[in-house]
């Protein structure tokens, strides 16, 4: 069974052979971030696939934020590059929930919170507690929070 880290390593080697600059530099940076995480504590350790997925998610989020910042700053070329790197990383992440799927999960959680007596904007924390475990790694926190807010206000 290959680990996620060894898959990243194999894909990096393939990208280097194919002279795929975008893919190889993105994977190289990601593997560096994983290695950093492995040596961050008091002793070096191997990260589990789940922990590696968290690192990749964090890296992908950085790319998205950088792309937005570059786009706002009128630097379209840099924004495109960041977006492309984010897409490379997306291949290694679980498929994100669609808006419809996410909306259903949130609606259900809002109903659960209401049943427990929590309503309106103050129920945000309670609804998030119900939603988060169900969407962990499948939807970005900001996206989830925005939907919860919208449904509680409505």
C-alpha atoms as a PDB file:
ATOM      1  CA  UNK A   1       0.000   0.000   0.000  1.00  0.00           C
ATOM      2  CA  UNK A   2       1.483   3.313  -1.009  1.00  0.00           C
ATOM      3  CA  UNK A   3       1.207   6.209   1.346  1.00  0.00           C
ATOM      4  CA  UNK A   4       0.114   9.640   0.230  1.00  0.00           C
ATOM      5  CA  UNK A   5       3.654  10.897   0.789  1.00  0.00           C
ATOM      6  CA  UNK A   6       5.187   8.248  -1.468  1.00  0.00           C
ATOM      7  CA  UNK A   7       2.554   9.018  -4.121  1.00  0.00           C
ATOM      8  CA  UNK A   8       3.521  12.716  -3.962  1.00  0.00           C
ATOM      9  CA  UNK A   9       7.183  11.697  -4.259  1.00  0.00           C
ATOM     10  CA  UNK A  10       6.503   9.425  -7.272  1.00  0.00           C
ATOM     11  CA  UNK A  11       4.409  12.109  -8.957  1.00  0.00           C
ATOM     12  CA  UNK A  12       7.166  14.647  -8.336  1.00  0.00           C
ATOM     13  CA  UNK A  13       9.731  12.372 -10.006  1.00  0.00           C
ATOM     14  CA  UNK A  14       7.385  11.857 -12.957  1.00  0.00           C
ATOM     15  CA  UNK A  15       6.765  15.617 -13.234  1.00  0.00           C
ATOM     16  CA  UNK A  16      10.524  16.282 -13.235  1.00  0.00           C
ATOM     17  CA  UNK A  17      11.039  13.689 -15.996  1.00  0.00           C
ATOM     18  CA  UNK A  18       8.204  15.253 -18.012  1.00  0.00           C
ATOM     19  CA  UNK A  19       9.678  18.703 -17.418  1.00  0.00           C
ATOM     20  CA  UNK A  20       6.333  19.799 -15.934  1.00  0.00           C
ATOM     21  CA  UNK A  21       7.619  22.871 -14.104  1.00  0.00           C
ATOM     22  CA  UNK A  22       4.326  23.862 -12.486  1.00  0.00           C
ATOM     23  CA  UNK A  23       3.578  20.389 -11.143  1.00  0.00           C
ATOM     24  CA  UNK A  24       7.133  19.665  -9.996  1.00  0.00           C
ATOM     25  CA  UNK A  25       7.576  22.969  -8.154  1.00  0.00           C
ATOM     26  CA  UNK A  26       4.143  22.649  -6.492  1.00  0.00           C
ATOM     27  CA  UNK A  27       4.827  19.087  -5.350  1.00  0.00           C
ATOM     28  CA  UNK A  28       8.334  20.006  -4.206  1.00  0.00           C
ATOM     29  CA  UNK A  29       6.949  22.834  -2.031  1.00  0.00           C
ATOM     30  CA  UNK A  30       4.261  20.548  -0.633  1.00  0.00           C
ATOM     31  CA  UNK A  31       6.740  17.797   0.245  1.00  0.00           C
ATOM     32  CA  UNK A  32       8.900  20.434   1.940  1.00  0.00           C
ATOM     33  CA  UNK A  33       5.886  21.533   4.005  1.00  0.00           C
ATOM     34  CA  UNK A  34       5.264  17.885   4.975  1.00  0.00           C
ATOM     35  CA  UNK A  35       8.905  17.387   5.968  1.00  0.00           C
ATOM     36  CA  UNK A  36       8.802  20.598   8.023  1.00  0.00           C
ATOM     37  CA  UNK A  37       5.754  19.258   9.829  1.00  0.00           C
ATOM     38  CA  UNK A  38       7.505  15.922  10.460  1.00  0.00           C
ATOM     39  CA  UNK A  39      10.449  17.574  12.188  1.00  0.00           C
ATOM     40  CA  UNK A  40       8.404  20.275  13.946  1.00  0.00           C
ATOM     41  CA  UNK A  41       7.969  18.455  17.265  1.00  0.00           C
ATOM     42  CA  UNK A  42      10.579  17.281  19.713  1.00  0.00           C
ATOM     43  CA  UNK A  43      11.270  14.181  17.634  1.00  0.00           C
ATOM     44  CA  UNK A  44      11.053  13.397  13.933  1.00  0.00           C
ATOM     45  CA  UNK A  45       8.046  11.319  12.959  1.00  0.00           C
ATOM     46  CA  UNK A  46       6.178  10.056   9.928  1.00  0.00           C
ATOM     47  CA  UNK A  47       2.912  11.867   9.226  1.00  0.00           C
ATOM     48  CA  UNK A  48      -0.197   9.777   8.661  1.00  0.00           C
ATOM     49  CA  UNK A  49      -2.081  10.182   5.368  1.00  0.00           C
ATOM     50  CA  UNK A  50      -4.718  12.118   7.302  1.00  0.00           C
ATOM     51  CA  UNK A  51      -2.105  14.566   8.631  1.00  0.00           C
ATOM     52  CA  UNK A  52      -0.582  14.883   5.162  1.00  0.00           C
ATOM     53  CA  UNK A  53      -4.042  15.685   3.769  1.00  0.00           C
ATOM     54  CA  UNK A  54      -4.268  18.497   6.348  1.00  0.00           C
ATOM     55  CA  UNK A  55      -0.907  19.870   5.182  1.00  0.00           C
ATOM     56  CA  UNK A  56      -2.039  19.714   1.536  1.00  0.00           C
ATOM     57  CA  UNK A  57      -5.335  21.408   2.458  1.00  0.00           C
ATOM     58  CA  UNK A  58      -3.389  24.191   4.187  1.00  0.00           C
ATOM     59  CA  UNK A  59      -1.082  24.588   1.180  1.00  0.00           C
ATOM     60  CA  UNK A  60      -4.073  24.705  -1.200  1.00  0.00           C
ATOM     61  CA  UNK A  61      -5.737  27.355   0.970  1.00  0.00           C
ATOM     62  CA  UNK A  62      -2.545  29.453   0.862  1.00  0.00           C
ATOM     63  CA  UNK A  63      -2.620  29.259  -2.945  1.00  0.00           C
ATOM     64  CA  UNK A  64      -6.275  30.321  -3.063  1.00  0.00           C
ATOM     65  CA  UNK A  65      -5.668  33.273  -0.748  1.00  0.00           C
ATOM     66  CA  UNK A  66      -2.575  34.318  -2.687  1.00  0.00           C
ATOM     67  CA  UNK A  67      -4.487  34.060  -5.981  1.00  0.00           C
ATOM     68  CA  UNK A  68      -7.209  36.347  -4.585  1.00  0.00           C
ATOM     69  CA  UNK A  69      -4.635  38.813  -3.302  1.00  0.00           C
ATOM     70  CA  UNK A  70      -2.796  38.888  -6.636  1.00  0.00           C
ATOM     71  CA  UNK A  71      -6.062  39.272  -8.555  1.00  0.00           C
ATOM     72  CA  UNK A  72      -7.082  42.234  -6.357  1.00  0.00           C
ATOM     73  CA  UNK A  73      -3.639  43.718  -6.831  1.00  0.00           C
ATOM     74  CA  UNK A  74      -4.004  43.530 -10.602  1.00  0.00           C
ATOM     75  CA  UNK A  75      -1.359  40.846 -10.994  1.00  0.00           C
ATOM     76  CA  UNK A  76      -3.316  38.426 -13.164  1.00  0.00           C
ATOM     77  CA  UNK A  77      -0.305  36.336 -14.174  1.00  0.00           C
ATOM     78  CA  UNK A  78       0.690  35.616 -10.565  1.00  0.00           C
ATOM     79  CA  UNK A  79      -2.953  34.954  -9.670  1.00  0.00           C
ATOM     80  CA  UNK A  80      -3.222  32.408 -12.510  1.00  0.00           C
ATOM     81  CA  UNK A  81      -0.051  30.677 -11.352  1.00  0.00           C
ATOM     82  CA  UNK A  82      -1.339  30.369  -7.763  1.00  0.00           C
ATOM     83  CA  UNK A  83      -4.687  29.098  -9.048  1.00  0.00           C
ATOM     84  CA  UNK A  84      -2.937  26.485 -11.207  1.00  0.00           C
ATOM     85  CA  UNK A  85      -0.847  25.324  -8.230  1.00  0.00           C
ATOM     86  CA  UNK A  86      -4.033  25.040  -6.181  1.00  0.00           C
ATOM     87  CA  UNK A  87      -5.538  22.822  -8.881  1.00  0.00           C
ATOM     88  CA  UNK A  88      -2.494  20.541  -8.802  1.00  0.00           C
ATOM     89  CA  UNK A  89      -2.970  20.158  -5.041  1.00  0.00           C
ATOM     90  CA  UNK A  90      -6.716  19.568  -5.387  1.00  0.00           C
ATOM     91  CA  UNK A  91      -5.877  16.261  -7.123  1.00  0.00           C
ATOM     92  CA  UNK A  92      -4.536  14.960  -3.802  1.00  0.00           C
ATOM     93  CA  UNK A  93      -7.483  16.072  -1.683  1.00  0.00           C
ATOM     94  CA  UNK A  94     -10.846  14.414  -1.145  1.00  0.00           C
ATOM     95  CA  UNK A  95     -13.407  15.729  -3.611  1.00  0.00           C
ATOM     96  CA  UNK A  96     -15.032  18.846  -2.163  1.00  0.00           C
ATOM     97  CA  UNK A  97     -18.752  18.850  -1.477  1.00  0.00           C
ATOM     98  CA  UNK A  98     -20.929  20.570  -4.045  1.00  0.00           C
ATOM     99  CA  UNK A  99     -22.924  23.618  -2.947  1.00  0.00           C
ATOM    100  CA  UNK A 100     -26.115  21.532  -2.941  1.00  0.00           C
ATOM    101  CA  UNK A 101     -24.610  18.769  -0.804  1.00  0.00           C
ATOM    102  CA  UNK A 102     -23.205  21.293   1.624  1.00  0.00           C
ATOM    103  CA  UNK A 103     -26.494  23.182   1.783  1.00  0.00           C
ATOM    104  CA  UNK A 104     -28.346  19.985   2.715  1.00  0.00           C
ATOM    105  CA  UNK A 105     -25.913  19.171   5.514  1.00  0.00           C
ATOM    106  CA  UNK A 106     -26.151  22.732   6.866  1.00  0.00           C
ATOM    107  CA  UNK A 107     -29.962  22.771   6.654  1.00  0.00           C
ATOM    108  CA  UNK A 108     -30.096  19.519   8.589  1.00  0.00           C
ATOM    109  CA  UNK A 109     -27.746  20.891  11.248  1.00  0.00           C
ATOM    110  CA  UNK A 110     -29.848  24.078  11.579  1.00  0.00           C
ATOM    111  CA  UNK A 111     -32.921  21.892  12.157  1.00  0.00           C
ATOM    112  CA  UNK A 112     -31.040  19.838  14.770  1.00  0.00           C
ATOM    113  CA  UNK A 113     -29.935  23.000  16.578  1.00  0.00           C
ATOM    114  CA  UNK A 114     -33.499  24.393  16.482  1.00  0.00           C
ATOM    115  CA  UNK A 115     -34.794  21.135  17.953  1.00  0.00           C
ATOM    116  CA  UNK A 116     -32.286  21.608  20.765  1.00  0.00           C
ATOM    117  CA  UNK A 117     -33.618  25.133  21.341  1.00  0.00           C
ATOM    118  CA  UNK A 118     -30.917  27.150  19.569  1.00  0.00           C
ATOM    119  CA  UNK A 119     -32.127  29.628  16.943  1.00  0.00           C
ATOM    120  CA  UNK A 120     -31.001  32.733  15.125  1.00  0.00           C
ATOM    121  CA  UNK A 121     -27.460  34.077  14.874  1.00  0.00           C
ATOM    122  CA  UNK A 122     -26.602  32.900  18.404  1.00  0.00           C
ATOM    123  CA  UNK A 123     -27.001  29.290  17.254  1.00  0.00           C
ATOM    124  CA  UNK A 124     -23.970  29.650  14.944  1.00  0.00           C
ATOM    125  CA  UNK A 125     -21.554  27.839  17.292  1.00  0.00           C
ATOM    126  CA  UNK A 126     -23.956  24.996  17.909  1.00  0.00           C
ATOM    127  CA  UNK A 127     -24.691  24.514  14.210  1.00  0.00           C
ATOM    128  CA  UNK A 128     -20.973  24.611  13.353  1.00  0.00           C
ATOM    129  CA  UNK A 129     -20.325  21.898  15.993  1.00  0.00           C
ATOM    130  CA  UNK A 130     -22.847  19.670  14.211  1.00  0.00           C
ATOM    131  CA  UNK A 131     -21.654  20.495  10.683  1.00  0.00           C
ATOM    132  CA  UNK A 132     -17.857  20.450  11.100  1.00  0.00           C
ATOM    133  CA  UNK A 133     -17.343  16.721  11.779  1.00  0.00           C
ATOM    134  CA  UNK A 134     -19.602  15.879   8.816  1.00  0.00           C
ATOM    135  CA  UNK A 135     -17.735  18.070   6.339  1.00  0.00           C
ATOM    136  CA  UNK A 136     -14.168  17.811   7.673  1.00  0.00           C
ATOM    137  CA  UNK A 137     -11.789  17.977   4.713  1.00  0.00           C
ATOM    138  CA  UNK A 138     -14.690  18.123   2.246  1.00  0.00           C
ATOM    139  CA  UNK A 139     -15.517  21.819   2.466  1.00  0.00           C
ATOM    140  CA  UNK A 140     -13.524  24.865   3.496  1.00  0.00           C
ATOM    141  CA  UNK A 141     -14.408  26.426   6.853  1.00  0.00           C
ATOM    142  CA  UNK A 142     -15.160  29.861   5.421  1.00  0.00           C
ATOM    143  CA  UNK A 143     -17.561  28.392   2.899  1.00  0.00           C
ATOM    144  CA  UNK A 144     -19.338  26.407   5.625  1.00  0.00           C
ATOM    145  CA  UNK A 145     -19.563  29.376   8.007  1.00  0.00           C
ATOM    146  CA  UNK A 146     -20.993  31.642   5.304  1.00  0.00           C
ATOM    147  CA  UNK A 147     -23.724  29.115   4.499  1.00  0.00           C
ATOM    148  CA  UNK A 148     -24.568  28.556   8.169  1.00  0.00           C
ATOM    149  CA  UNK A 149     -24.817  32.342   8.712  1.00  0.00           C
ATOM    150  CA  UNK A 150     -27.067  32.703   5.673  1.00  0.00           C
ATOM    151  CA  UNK A 151     -29.416  29.909   6.782  1.00  0.00           C
ATOM    152  CA  UNK A 152     -29.626  31.144  10.367  1.00  0.00           C
ATOM    153  CA  UNK A 153     -30.429  34.673   9.211  1.00  0.00           C
ATOM    154  CA  UNK A 154     -33.061  33.395   6.768  1.00  0.00           C
END
